[in-house]
């Protein structure tokens, strides 16, 4: 029997991201947005705000992954592709995409950034193993790619992350069932490769700022197939927060 794993689950999330904290986190998010727009760097600014509001480490991490500067939001919006604009070939930040879907499928907390991307707080830090949600997550990716009429996909997996080779084989095995040509590359510097490409699938902020174009696949998948996902959204508006 396969063990049931709740990827990214934290027992304190229901409290720290519940109704009692929502207003305080929204105010903290607006203030962080204010500072970023005035040239403050993300880490010192989020630490300053976190200390002021006495936020937990997980709340601080969530804010840092939710809030972006107005300049970043405008840049990402310009490069974001709609489903009708997609090239026939997409490139996927493998661990970034799959882990966030695993977390959403687990019913654990995922967060929605101001740029519309879905991010997780799993914090695996190089340690990854295939779980019971991996199969469904990868299937949903291929299911979405077929629905979007994508003919070719390349998954990039970080070589230093544990079990990257196993996940590569797993993706190939599942991909055989779909009408999408699939390739999987296990390399050392995934970010640097994706930063130069178009049709990128990721929620990594640095890659989004540098790549040629990107598509918000995880949001598309969750909206279409994982409506039960627990998405924490501060609903910060750039106009209101500025």
Protein backbone atom coordinates (compact mmCIF):
# COMPACT_ATOMS: atom_id res chain seq x y z
CA UNK A 1 0.00 0.00 0.00
CA UNK A 2 1.31 3.45 -0.96
CA UNK A 3 1.80 5.79 1.98
CA UNK A 4 -0.34 8.93 1.92
CA UNK A 5 1.91 11.97 2.07
CA UNK A 6 0.70 15.56 2.50
CA UNK A 7 3.45 17.45 0.71
CA UNK A 8 4.08 20.85 2.29
CA UNK A 9 1.72 20.35 5.23
CA UNK A 10 2.29 22.44 8.35
CA UNK A 11 -0.01 22.07 11.34
CA UNK A 12 0.20 25.82 12.14
CA UNK A 13 -0.98 27.00 8.71
CA UNK A 14 -4.68 27.00 9.57
CA UNK A 15 -3.95 29.52 12.31
CA UNK A 16 -1.15 31.56 10.74
CA UNK A 17 -3.00 31.92 7.42
CA UNK A 18 -6.51 31.93 8.84
CA UNK A 19 -9.00 34.75 9.27
CA UNK A 20 -7.37 36.13 12.42
CA UNK A 21 -4.14 36.87 10.52
CA UNK A 22 -5.58 37.87 7.13
CA UNK A 23 -5.91 41.62 7.80
CA UNK A 24 -2.49 41.87 9.42
CA UNK A 25 -0.83 39.96 6.57
CA UNK A 26 -2.62 42.13 4.01
CA UNK A 27 -1.35 45.27 5.72
CA UNK A 28 2.14 43.82 5.92
CA UNK A 29 1.95 42.94 2.23
CA UNK A 30 0.94 46.49 1.29
CA UNK A 31 3.84 47.91 3.28
CA UNK A 32 6.30 45.47 1.74
CA UNK A 33 5.04 46.46 -1.71
CA UNK A 34 5.55 50.12 -0.77
CA UNK A 35 9.17 49.48 0.23
CA UNK A 36 9.99 47.41 -2.85
CA UNK A 37 8.73 50.20 -5.07
CA UNK A 38 11.13 52.58 -3.37
CA UNK A 39 14.23 50.53 -4.03
CA UNK A 40 14.42 48.36 -0.93
CA UNK A 41 15.78 44.86 -1.47
CA UNK A 42 13.36 42.01 -0.80
CA UNK A 43 15.18 40.25 2.06
CA UNK A 44 15.90 43.24 4.32
CA UNK A 45 12.48 44.74 3.55
CA UNK A 46 10.61 41.52 4.37
CA UNK A 47 12.67 41.13 7.57
CA UNK A 48 11.82 44.68 8.59
CA UNK A 49 8.11 44.13 7.98
CA UNK A 50 8.21 40.69 9.57
CA UNK A 51 9.80 42.05 12.73
CA UNK A 52 7.33 44.91 12.94
CA UNK A 53 4.30 42.61 12.69
CA UNK A 54 5.93 39.77 14.65
CA UNK A 55 5.38 37.32 11.81
CA UNK A 56 6.51 33.69 11.88
CA UNK A 57 9.21 32.49 9.50
CA UNK A 58 6.56 30.82 7.34
CA UNK A 59 4.46 33.98 7.17
CA UNK A 60 7.54 35.99 6.19
CA UNK A 61 8.38 33.48 3.47
CA UNK A 62 4.82 33.65 2.16
CA UNK A 63 4.92 37.45 1.97
CA UNK A 64 8.25 37.39 0.17
CA UNK A 65 6.79 35.00 -2.41
CA UNK A 66 3.51 36.87 -2.79
CA UNK A 67 4.74 40.45 -3.14
CA UNK A 68 6.65 41.85 -6.10
CA UNK A 69 7.46 45.40 -7.11
CA UNK A 70 5.30 47.23 -9.63
CA UNK A 71 8.19 47.15 -12.11
CA UNK A 72 8.47 43.37 -11.78
CA UNK A 73 4.72 42.90 -12.15
CA UNK A 74 4.60 45.00 -15.32
CA UNK A 75 7.60 43.17 -16.81
CA UNK A 76 6.12 39.74 -16.09
CA UNK A 77 2.73 40.77 -17.44
CA UNK A 78 4.28 41.88 -20.71
CA UNK A 79 5.95 38.48 -21.15
CA UNK A 80 3.06 36.30 -19.96
CA UNK A 81 1.47 34.18 -22.68
CA UNK A 82 -2.24 33.46 -22.97
CA UNK A 83 -3.38 29.94 -23.94
CA UNK A 84 -3.93 31.19 -27.52
CA UNK A 85 -0.38 32.55 -27.77
CA UNK A 86 1.49 29.41 -26.73
CA UNK A 87 4.28 28.06 -28.91
CA UNK A 88 4.11 24.37 -29.81
CA UNK A 89 7.13 23.73 -27.60
CA UNK A 90 7.17 24.50 -23.88
CA UNK A 91 10.00 24.14 -21.36
CA UNK A 92 9.19 23.20 -17.77
CA UNK A 93 11.00 24.01 -14.54
CA UNK A 94 10.38 20.45 -13.38
CA UNK A 95 10.75 20.43 -9.61
CA UNK A 96 9.26 23.90 -9.25
CA UNK A 97 6.14 22.91 -11.19
CA UNK A 98 5.61 19.37 -9.92
CA UNK A 99 6.17 20.14 -6.24
CA UNK A 100 3.65 22.99 -6.22
CA UNK A 101 1.06 20.68 -7.80
CA UNK A 102 1.85 17.96 -5.25
CA UNK A 103 1.28 20.46 -2.46
CA UNK A 104 -2.03 21.61 -3.96
CA UNK A 105 -3.18 18.02 -4.47
CA UNK A 106 -2.26 17.27 -0.84
CA UNK A 107 -4.64 19.93 0.39
CA UNK A 108 -1.70 21.80 1.88
CA UNK A 109 -1.28 25.56 1.65
CA UNK A 110 -0.24 27.15 -1.63
CA UNK A 111 -0.05 30.89 -2.17
CA UNK A 112 -1.01 33.14 -5.06
CA UNK A 113 1.49 35.83 -5.92
CA UNK A 114 0.64 39.32 -7.10
CA UNK A 115 1.85 38.14 -10.53
CA UNK A 116 -0.83 35.43 -10.50
CA UNK A 117 1.53 32.49 -10.08
CA UNK A 118 0.92 29.67 -7.62
CA UNK A 119 3.81 29.02 -5.25
CA UNK A 120 4.38 26.62 -2.37
CA UNK A 121 6.15 26.79 0.99
CA UNK A 122 7.35 23.18 0.98
CA UNK A 123 11.00 24.15 1.45
CA UNK A 124 12.50 20.82 0.33
CA UNK A 125 15.98 22.37 -0.15
CA UNK A 126 17.39 19.72 -2.43
CA UNK A 127 15.69 16.74 -0.81
CA UNK A 128 12.98 15.25 -2.99
CA UNK A 129 11.27 11.90 -3.18
CA UNK A 130 8.41 10.64 -5.31
CA UNK A 131 5.16 10.44 -3.31
CA UNK A 132 1.61 9.27 -3.92
CA UNK A 133 0.68 12.68 -5.42
CA UNK A 134 3.51 12.70 -7.97
CA UNK A 135 1.72 10.47 -10.45
CA UNK A 136 -1.37 12.66 -10.47
CA UNK A 137 0.68 15.87 -10.66
CA UNK A 138 2.63 14.69 -13.72
CA UNK A 139 -0.52 13.33 -15.35
CA UNK A 140 -2.24 16.68 -14.90
CA UNK A 141 0.68 18.42 -16.60
CA UNK A 142 0.44 16.16 -19.65
CA UNK A 143 -3.35 16.37 -19.63
CA UNK A 144 -3.11 20.16 -19.69
CA UNK A 145 -0.47 20.14 -22.43
CA UNK A 146 -2.71 18.02 -24.64
CA UNK A 147 -5.67 20.29 -23.94
CA UNK A 148 -3.55 23.31 -24.87
CA UNK A 149 -2.40 21.62 -28.12
CA UNK A 150 1.28 21.54 -27.15
CA UNK A 151 3.22 19.15 -29.35
CA UNK A 152 6.58 19.14 -27.54
CA UNK A 153 7.69 19.62 -23.95
CA UNK A 154 11.11 19.59 -22.30
CA UNK A 155 11.34 19.10 -18.53
CA UNK A 156 14.46 20.45 -16.86
CA UNK A 157 15.37 18.84 -13.53
CA UNK A 158 18.07 20.04 -11.14
CA UNK A 159 20.81 17.41 -11.02
CA UNK A 160 21.91 18.16 -7.42
CA UNK A 161 18.38 17.47 -6.10
CA UNK A 162 17.94 13.94 -4.76
CA UNK A 163 15.98 11.46 -6.91
CA UNK A 164 16.16 13.65 -10.02
CA UNK A 165 17.05 10.55 -12.05
CA UNK A 166 14.07 8.63 -10.69
CA UNK A 167 11.73 11.50 -11.47
CA UNK A 168 13.14 11.66 -15.01
CA UNK A 169 12.22 8.01 -15.58
CA UNK A 170 8.83 8.59 -13.97
CA UNK A 171 8.05 11.49 -16.33
CA UNK A 172 9.02 9.43 -19.39
CA UNK A 173 6.87 6.53 -18.22
CA UNK A 174 3.79 8.69 -17.80
CA UNK A 175 4.50 10.76 -20.92
CA UNK A 176 4.26 7.66 -23.13
CA UNK A 177 0.48 7.68 -22.59
CA UNK A 178 0.03 11.15 -24.09
CA UNK A 179 0.33 12.65 -27.57
CA UNK A 180 3.08 15.03 -26.59
CA UNK A 181 6.73 14.57 -27.51
CA UNK A 182 8.63 14.65 -24.24
CA UNK A 183 12.26 15.12 -23.30
CA UNK A 184 13.77 15.34 -19.81
CA UNK A 185 17.10 17.04 -19.14
CA UNK A 186 18.86 16.60 -15.79
CA UNK A 187 21.37 19.43 -15.51
CA UNK A 188 23.22 21.47 -12.90
CA UNK A 189 21.97 24.99 -13.60
CA UNK A 190 18.32 24.84 -14.63
CA UNK A 191 17.69 28.50 -13.81
CA UNK A 192 20.41 29.78 -16.13
CA UNK A 193 19.06 27.72 -19.02
CA UNK A 194 15.42 28.73 -18.55
CA UNK A 195 16.32 32.40 -18.16
CA UNK A 196 17.24 32.49 -21.87
CA UNK A 197 14.23 30.65 -23.29
CA UNK A 198 10.64 31.30 -24.37
CA UNK A 199 7.55 29.34 -23.43
CA UNK A 200 8.82 28.78 -19.89
CA UNK A 201 6.71 27.07 -17.21
CA UNK A 202 7.78 28.19 -13.74
CA UNK A 203 6.82 30.34 -10.76
CA UNK A 204 10.44 31.18 -9.92
CA UNK A 205 10.57 34.97 -9.71
CA UNK A 206 14.13 35.32 -11.00
CA UNK A 207 13.40 33.19 -14.07
CA UNK A 208 10.15 35.08 -14.74
CA UNK A 209 12.04 38.38 -14.74
CA UNK A 210 14.69 37.17 -17.20
CA UNK A 211 13.04 34.67 -19.58
CA UNK A 212 11.71 35.65 -23.01
CA UNK A 213 8.13 34.53 -22.31
CA UNK A 214 6.23 32.34 -19.85
CA UNK A 215 2.89 30.67 -19.23
CA UNK A 216 1.11 30.28 -15.89
CA UNK A 217 0.48 26.54 -16.26
CA UNK A 218 0.00 25.64 -12.60
CA UNK A 219 -2.76 28.21 -12.16
CA UNK A 220 -4.39 26.91 -15.35
CA UNK A 221 -4.20 23.33 -14.05
CA UNK A 222 -5.48 24.17 -10.57
CA UNK A 223 -8.33 26.29 -11.93
CA UNK A 224 -9.32 23.46 -14.28
CA UNK A 225 -8.69 20.30 -12.25
CA UNK A 226 -7.88 21.04 -8.59
CA UNK A 227 -10.67 23.33 -7.47
CA UNK A 228 -10.33 21.98 -3.91
CA UNK A 229 -6.82 23.45 -3.60
CA UNK A 230 -6.17 25.64 -0.56
CA UNK A 231 -4.93 28.88 -2.11
CA UNK A 232 -3.95 31.75 0.18
CA UNK A 233 -4.50 35.00 -1.70
CA UNK A 234 -4.00 38.42 -0.11
CA UNK A 235 -5.66 39.99 -3.17
CA UNK A 236 -3.16 42.84 -3.17
CA UNK A 237 -3.73 45.28 -6.01
CA UNK A 238 -0.78 47.26 -7.30
CA UNK A 239 -2.90 50.43 -7.57
CA UNK A 240 -4.32 50.11 -4.06
CA UNK A 241 -1.08 49.00 -2.39
CA UNK A 242 0.90 51.86 -3.86
